[in-house]
Amino acid sequence: MLPGDVDGLKIVETVRACGKATPIIVLSALASLDERVIGLRSGSDDYLTKPFGMPELVARINALLRRTVRQADVSELRVADLRLDLRCRKAERAGQPIMLQPREFRLLEYLVRHQGQIVTRSMLLEAVWDYRFDPQTNVVDVQISRLRQKIDRNFSPPLLHTVRGTGYMISPDG
């Protein structure tokens, strides 16, 4: 609720249209699901509704800054012979290009950024699909299966592993 006829989401869109990657957290009294989704789709990195506790805002700012610094410093990620070019959004394994859909790339990027760690379905739903709840669907399993076909079929050793009852891990060690 900015003064005058200035719209906060238009400001966010303008900042993003100029190519700025400045971290943006929207603080708003508009709290419906549709309003939060519109706020995030406008280009903001997070959306916090009023009233909120100051410790939560500080925690969200710190989390956003951690992600922003990490992403700004890295333009390439690797696991064994798998290489992700974050600028061009391209992947290759053993020098061979791997064609990935945008969501597959985001999924693989998240896994590679957390290589050697078990990543749960909930973590993937939140990071890749932006779900803050479990939709009781097998969408993660389906996408992991497709990704596994692309990055592990015809290559050795397999990199994408299922940790039964827990989640997934990308690692050259199995």
C-alpha atoms as a PDB file:
ATOM      1  CA  MET A   1       0.000   0.000   0.000  1.00  0.00           C
ATOM      2  CA  LEU A   2       2.459   2.591  -1.223  1.00  0.00           C
ATOM      3  CA  PRO A   3       1.438   6.248  -1.265  1.00  0.00           C
ATOM      4  CA  GLY A   4      -0.128   7.737  -4.381  1.00  0.00           C
ATOM      5  CA  ASP A   5      -0.747   5.557  -7.385  1.00  0.00           C
ATOM      6  CA  VAL A   6       2.575   3.710  -7.094  1.00  0.00           C
ATOM      7  CA  ASP A   7       2.147  -0.070  -7.197  1.00  0.00           C
ATOM      8  CA  GLY A   8       4.778  -2.157  -5.405  1.00  0.00           C
ATOM      9  CA  LEU A   9       4.515  -5.082  -7.818  1.00  0.00           C
ATOM     10  CA  LYS A  10       5.043  -2.742 -10.783  1.00  0.00           C
ATOM     11  CA  ILE A  11       8.230  -1.564  -9.076  1.00  0.00           C
ATOM     12  CA  VAL A  12       9.371  -5.185  -8.750  1.00  0.00           C
ATOM     13  CA  GLU A  13       8.556  -5.853 -12.414  1.00  0.00           C
ATOM     14  CA  THR A  14      10.442  -2.718 -13.476  1.00  0.00           C
ATOM     15  CA  VAL A  15      13.516  -3.691 -11.461  1.00  0.00           C
ATOM     16  CA  ARG A  16      13.496  -7.169 -13.025  1.00  0.00           C
ATOM     17  CA  ALA A  17      12.867  -5.786 -16.539  1.00  0.00           C
ATOM     18  CA  CYS A  18      16.049  -3.711 -16.136  1.00  0.00           C
ATOM     19  CA  GLY A  19      17.977  -6.928 -15.540  1.00  0.00           C
ATOM     20  CA  LYS A  20      18.632  -6.242 -11.866  1.00  0.00           C
ATOM     21  CA  ALA A  21      19.057  -9.279  -9.635  1.00  0.00           C
ATOM     22  CA  THR A  22      18.646  -7.298  -6.418  1.00  0.00           C
ATOM     23  CA  PRO A  23      17.017  -9.499  -3.768  1.00  0.00           C
ATOM     24  CA  ILE A  24      13.422  -8.415  -3.133  1.00  0.00           C
ATOM     25  CA  ILE A  25      11.112  -9.393  -0.281  1.00  0.00           C
ATOM     26  CA  VAL A  26       7.554  -8.092  -0.548  1.00  0.00           C
ATOM     27  CA  LEU A  27       6.011  -7.072   2.794  1.00  0.00           C
ATOM     28  CA  SER A  28       2.281  -6.791   2.263  1.00  0.00           C
ATOM     29  CA  ALA A  29      -1.080  -6.695   3.987  1.00  0.00           C
ATOM     30  CA  LEU A  30      -2.494  -8.549   0.969  1.00  0.00           C
ATOM     31  CA  ALA A  31      -2.476 -12.124   2.205  1.00  0.00           C
ATOM     32  CA  SER A  32      -4.691 -14.277  -0.003  1.00  0.00           C
ATOM     33  CA  LEU A  33      -3.128 -17.147  -1.913  1.00  0.00           C
ATOM     34  CA  ASP A  34      -3.740 -15.432  -5.264  1.00  0.00           C
ATOM     35  CA  GLU A  35      -2.116 -12.201  -4.071  1.00  0.00           C
ATOM     36  CA  ARG A  36       0.947 -14.045  -2.748  1.00  0.00           C
ATOM     37  CA  VAL A  37       1.315 -15.983  -6.024  1.00  0.00           C
ATOM     38  CA  ILE A  38       0.992 -12.771  -8.070  1.00  0.00           C
ATOM     39  CA  GLY A  39       3.607 -11.154  -5.830  1.00  0.00           C
ATOM     40  CA  LEU A  40       6.072 -13.989  -6.368  1.00  0.00           C
ATOM     41  CA  ARG A  41       5.380 -14.176 -10.100  1.00  0.00           C
ATOM     42  CA  SER A  42       6.044 -10.452 -10.443  1.00  0.00           C
ATOM     43  CA  GLY A  43       9.698 -11.181  -9.697  1.00  0.00           C
ATOM     44  CA  SER A  44      10.041 -10.962  -5.943  1.00  0.00           C
ATOM     45  CA  ASP A  45      12.186 -13.528  -4.164  1.00  0.00           C
ATOM     46  CA  ASP A  46       9.938 -13.859  -1.123  1.00  0.00           C
ATOM     47  CA  TYR A  47       6.555 -12.611   0.104  1.00  0.00           C
ATOM     48  CA  LEU A  48       5.790 -11.983   3.750  1.00  0.00           C
ATOM     49  CA  THR A  49       2.323 -10.959   4.938  1.00  0.00           C
ATOM     50  CA  LYS A  50       1.571  -8.513   7.728  1.00  0.00           C
ATOM     51  CA  PRO A  51       1.551  -8.840  10.623  1.00  0.00           C
ATOM     52  CA  PHE A  52       4.882 -10.646  10.857  1.00  0.00           C
ATOM     53  CA  GLY A  53       7.478 -11.112  13.552  1.00  0.00           C
ATOM     54  CA  MET A  54      10.781  -9.312  13.206  1.00  0.00           C
ATOM     55  CA  PRO A  55      12.770 -12.535  13.842  1.00  0.00           C
ATOM     56  CA  GLU A  56      11.020 -14.138  10.845  1.00  0.00           C
ATOM     57  CA  LEU A  57      11.830 -11.160   8.608  1.00  0.00           C
ATOM     58  CA  VAL A  58      15.480 -11.229   9.687  1.00  0.00           C
ATOM     59  CA  ALA A  59      15.648 -15.002   9.073  1.00  0.00           C
ATOM     60  CA  ARG A  60      14.144 -14.575   5.590  1.00  0.00           C
ATOM     61  CA  ILE A  61      16.580 -11.752   4.760  1.00  0.00           C
ATOM     62  CA  ASN A  62      19.522 -13.873   5.910  1.00  0.00           C
ATOM     63  CA  ALA A  63      18.316 -16.884   3.889  1.00  0.00           C
ATOM     64  CA  LEU A  64      17.863 -14.732   0.792  1.00  0.00           C
ATOM     65  CA  LEU A  65      21.320 -13.218   1.189  1.00  0.00           C
ATOM     66  CA  ARG A  66      22.901 -16.676   1.563  1.00  0.00           C
ATOM     67  CA  ARG A  67      21.242 -17.839  -1.669  1.00  0.00           C
ATOM     68  CA  THR A  68      22.079 -14.620  -3.519  1.00  0.00           C
ATOM     69  CA  VAL A  69      25.773 -14.680  -2.604  1.00  0.00           C
ATOM     70  CA  ARG A  70      26.128 -18.358  -3.496  1.00  0.00           C
ATOM     71  CA  GLN A  71      24.416 -17.961  -6.856  1.00  0.00           C
ATOM     72  CA  ALA A  72      26.329 -14.806  -7.778  1.00  0.00           C
ATOM     73  CA  ASP A  73      29.700 -16.450  -7.177  1.00  0.00           C
ATOM     74  CA  VAL A  74      29.120 -19.576  -9.257  1.00  0.00           C
ATOM     75  CA  SER A  75      28.547 -19.863 -13.001  1.00  0.00           C
ATOM     76  CA  GLU A  76      29.270 -23.580 -13.330  1.00  0.00           C
ATOM     77  CA  LEU A  77      28.501 -26.623 -11.201  1.00  0.00           C
ATOM     78  CA  ARG A  78      30.063 -30.077 -11.518  1.00  0.00           C
ATOM     79  CA  VAL A  79      29.598 -33.601 -10.221  1.00  0.00           C
ATOM     80  CA  ALA A  80      32.039 -36.114 -11.696  1.00  0.00           C
ATOM     81  CA  ASP A  81      31.749 -35.649 -15.485  1.00  0.00           C
ATOM     82  CA  LEU A  82      28.392 -33.827 -15.278  1.00  0.00           C
ATOM     83  CA  ARG A  83      28.666 -30.089 -15.900  1.00  0.00           C
ATOM     84  CA  LEU A  84      25.963 -27.433 -15.525  1.00  0.00           C
ATOM     85  CA  ASP A  85      26.462 -24.030 -17.129  1.00  0.00           C
ATOM     86  CA  LEU A  86      24.254 -21.771 -15.003  1.00  0.00           C
ATOM     87  CA  ARG A  87      24.517 -18.779 -17.318  1.00  0.00           C
ATOM     88  CA  CYS A  88      23.445 -20.594 -20.486  1.00  0.00           C
ATOM     89  CA  ARG A  89      21.228 -23.070 -18.581  1.00  0.00           C
ATOM     90  CA  LYS A  90      22.879 -26.013 -20.346  1.00  0.00           C
ATOM     91  CA  ALA A  91      23.994 -29.401 -19.112  1.00  0.00           C
ATOM     92  CA  GLU A  92      26.467 -31.937 -20.428  1.00  0.00           C
ATOM     93  CA  ARG A  93      27.883 -35.226 -19.307  1.00  0.00           C
ATOM     94  CA  ALA A  94      31.219 -36.560 -20.535  1.00  0.00           C
ATOM     95  CA  GLY A  95      31.200 -33.687 -23.033  1.00  0.00           C
ATOM     96  CA  GLN A  96      27.841 -34.726 -24.526  1.00  0.00           C
ATOM     97  CA  PRO A  97      24.990 -32.199 -24.333  1.00  0.00           C
ATOM     98  CA  ILE A  98      21.932 -33.195 -22.320  1.00  0.00           C
ATOM     99  CA  MET A  99      18.666 -31.609 -23.390  1.00  0.00           C
ATOM    100  CA  LEU A 100      16.688 -30.566 -20.316  1.00  0.00           C
ATOM    101  CA  GLN A 101      13.353 -28.841 -19.904  1.00  0.00           C
ATOM    102  CA  PRO A 102      13.494 -25.725 -17.648  1.00  0.00           C
ATOM    103  CA  ARG A 103      12.057 -27.556 -14.626  1.00  0.00           C
ATOM    104  CA  GLU A 104      14.425 -30.484 -15.167  1.00  0.00           C
ATOM    105  CA  PHE A 105      17.328 -28.047 -15.183  1.00  0.00           C
ATOM    106  CA  ARG A 106      16.122 -26.419 -11.933  1.00  0.00           C
ATOM    107  CA  LEU A 107      15.727 -29.868 -10.372  1.00  0.00           C
ATOM    108  CA  LEU A 108      19.201 -30.939 -11.448  1.00  0.00           C
ATOM    109  CA  GLU A 109      20.711 -27.631 -10.339  1.00  0.00           C
ATOM    110  CA  TYR A 110      19.161 -28.017  -6.884  1.00  0.00           C
ATOM    111  CA  LEU A 111      20.449 -31.573  -6.579  1.00  0.00           C
ATOM    112  CA  VAL A 112      23.953 -30.609  -7.726  1.00  0.00           C
ATOM    113  CA  ARG A 113      24.056 -27.627  -5.348  1.00  0.00           C
ATOM    114  CA  HIS A 114      23.284 -30.144  -2.584  1.00  0.00           C
ATOM    115  CA  GLN A 115      25.497 -32.958  -3.880  1.00  0.00           C
ATOM    116  CA  GLY A 116      26.355 -35.604  -1.361  1.00  0.00           C
ATOM    117  CA  GLN A 117      23.318 -34.622   0.740  1.00  0.00           C
ATOM    118  CA  ILE A 118      19.996 -36.423   0.956  1.00  0.00           C
ATOM    119  CA  VAL A 119      17.305 -34.188  -0.511  1.00  0.00           C
ATOM    120  CA  THR A 120      13.722 -34.963   0.508  1.00  0.00           C
ATOM    121  CA  ARG A 121      10.659 -34.718  -1.708  1.00  0.00           C
ATOM    122  CA  SER A 122       9.435 -31.827   0.442  1.00  0.00           C
ATOM    123  CA  MET A 123      12.665 -29.926  -0.121  1.00  0.00           C
ATOM    124  CA  LEU A 124      12.365 -30.460  -3.880  1.00  0.00           C
ATOM    125  CA  LEU A 125       8.688 -29.466  -3.951  1.00  0.00           C
ATOM    126  CA  GLU A 126       9.514 -26.225  -2.176  1.00  0.00           C
ATOM    127  CA  ALA A 127      12.677 -25.356  -4.106  1.00  0.00           C
ATOM    128  CA  VAL A 128      11.721 -26.458  -7.631  1.00  0.00           C
ATOM    129  CA  TRP A 129       7.913 -26.242  -7.686  1.00  0.00           C
ATOM    130  CA  ASP A 130       7.555 -23.481  -5.057  1.00  0.00           C
ATOM    131  CA  TYR A 131       5.023 -25.579  -3.116  1.00  0.00           C
ATOM    132  CA  ARG A 132       4.794 -24.890   0.599  1.00  0.00           C
ATOM    133  CA  PHE A 133       2.715 -28.036   1.127  1.00  0.00           C
ATOM    134  CA  ASP A 134       2.747 -31.652   0.009  1.00  0.00           C
ATOM    135  CA  PRO A 135       0.228 -31.971  -2.835  1.00  0.00           C
ATOM    136  CA  GLN A 136       0.170 -35.762  -2.388  1.00  0.00           C
ATOM    137  CA  THR A 137       1.391 -36.336  -5.934  1.00  0.00           C
ATOM    138  CA  ASN A 138       4.209 -38.320  -7.489  1.00  0.00           C
ATOM    139  CA  VAL A 139       5.411 -35.379  -9.599  1.00  0.00           C
ATOM    140  CA  VAL A 140       8.844 -35.457  -7.934  1.00  0.00           C
ATOM    141  CA  ASP A 141       9.277 -39.179  -8.567  1.00  0.00           C
ATOM    142  CA  VAL A 142       8.251 -38.800 -12.210  1.00  0.00           C
ATOM    143  CA  GLN A 143      10.651 -35.901 -12.806  1.00  0.00           C
ATOM    144  CA  ILE A 144      13.488 -37.723 -11.033  1.00  0.00           C
ATOM    145  CA  SER A 145      12.878 -40.751 -13.257  1.00  0.00           C
ATOM    146  CA  ARG A 146      13.027 -38.592 -16.400  1.00  0.00           C
ATOM    147  CA  LEU A 147      16.126 -36.828 -15.162  1.00  0.00           C
ATOM    148  CA  ARG A 148      17.787 -40.136 -14.317  1.00  0.00           C
ATOM    149  CA  GLN A 149      17.153 -41.351 -17.882  1.00  0.00           C
ATOM    150  CA  LYS A 150      18.841 -38.264 -19.269  1.00  0.00           C
ATOM    151  CA  ILE A 151      21.893 -38.017 -17.018  1.00  0.00           C
ATOM    152  CA  ASP A 152      22.606 -41.649 -16.107  1.00  0.00           C
ATOM    153  CA  ARG A 153      21.488 -43.785 -19.057  1.00  0.00           C
ATOM    154  CA  ASN A 154      24.501 -44.525 -21.279  1.00  0.00           C
ATOM    155  CA  PHE A 155      26.901 -43.110 -18.663  1.00  0.00           C
ATOM    156  CA  SER A 156      28.873 -44.611 -15.826  1.00  0.00           C
ATOM    157  CA  PRO A 157      28.895 -44.341 -12.893  1.00  0.00           C
ATOM    158  CA  PRO A 158      25.262 -43.447 -12.145  1.00  0.00           C
ATOM    159  CA  LEU A 159      25.042 -40.116 -10.312  1.00  0.00           C
ATOM    160  CA  LEU A 160      21.396 -39.855  -9.244  1.00  0.00           C
ATOM    161  CA  HIS A 161      20.513 -42.178  -6.374  1.00  0.00           C
ATOM    162  CA  THR A 162      17.311 -42.955  -4.498  1.00  0.00           C
ATOM    163  CA  VAL A 163      17.634 -43.097  -0.731  1.00  0.00           C
ATOM    164  CA  ARG A 164      14.719 -45.370   0.130  1.00  0.00           C
ATOM    165  CA  GLY A 165      12.123 -43.834   2.401  1.00  0.00           C
ATOM    166  CA  THR A 166      13.967 -40.531   2.509  1.00  0.00           C
ATOM    167  CA  GLY A 167      14.604 -38.881  -0.845  1.00  0.00           C
ATOM    168  CA  TYR A 168      17.349 -38.522  -3.422  1.00  0.00           C
ATOM    169  CA  MET A 169      21.042 -37.774  -3.650  1.00  0.00           C
ATOM    170  CA  ILE A 170      23.390 -36.865  -6.461  1.00  0.00           C
ATOM    171  CA  SER A 171      26.853 -38.239  -5.930  1.00  0.00           C
ATOM    172  CA  PRO A 172      29.504 -40.070  -7.966  1.00  0.00           C
ATOM    173  CA  ASP A 173      29.961 -42.517  -5.078  1.00  0.00           C
ATOM    174  CA  GLY A 174      26.575 -44.243  -5.035  1.00  0.00           C
END
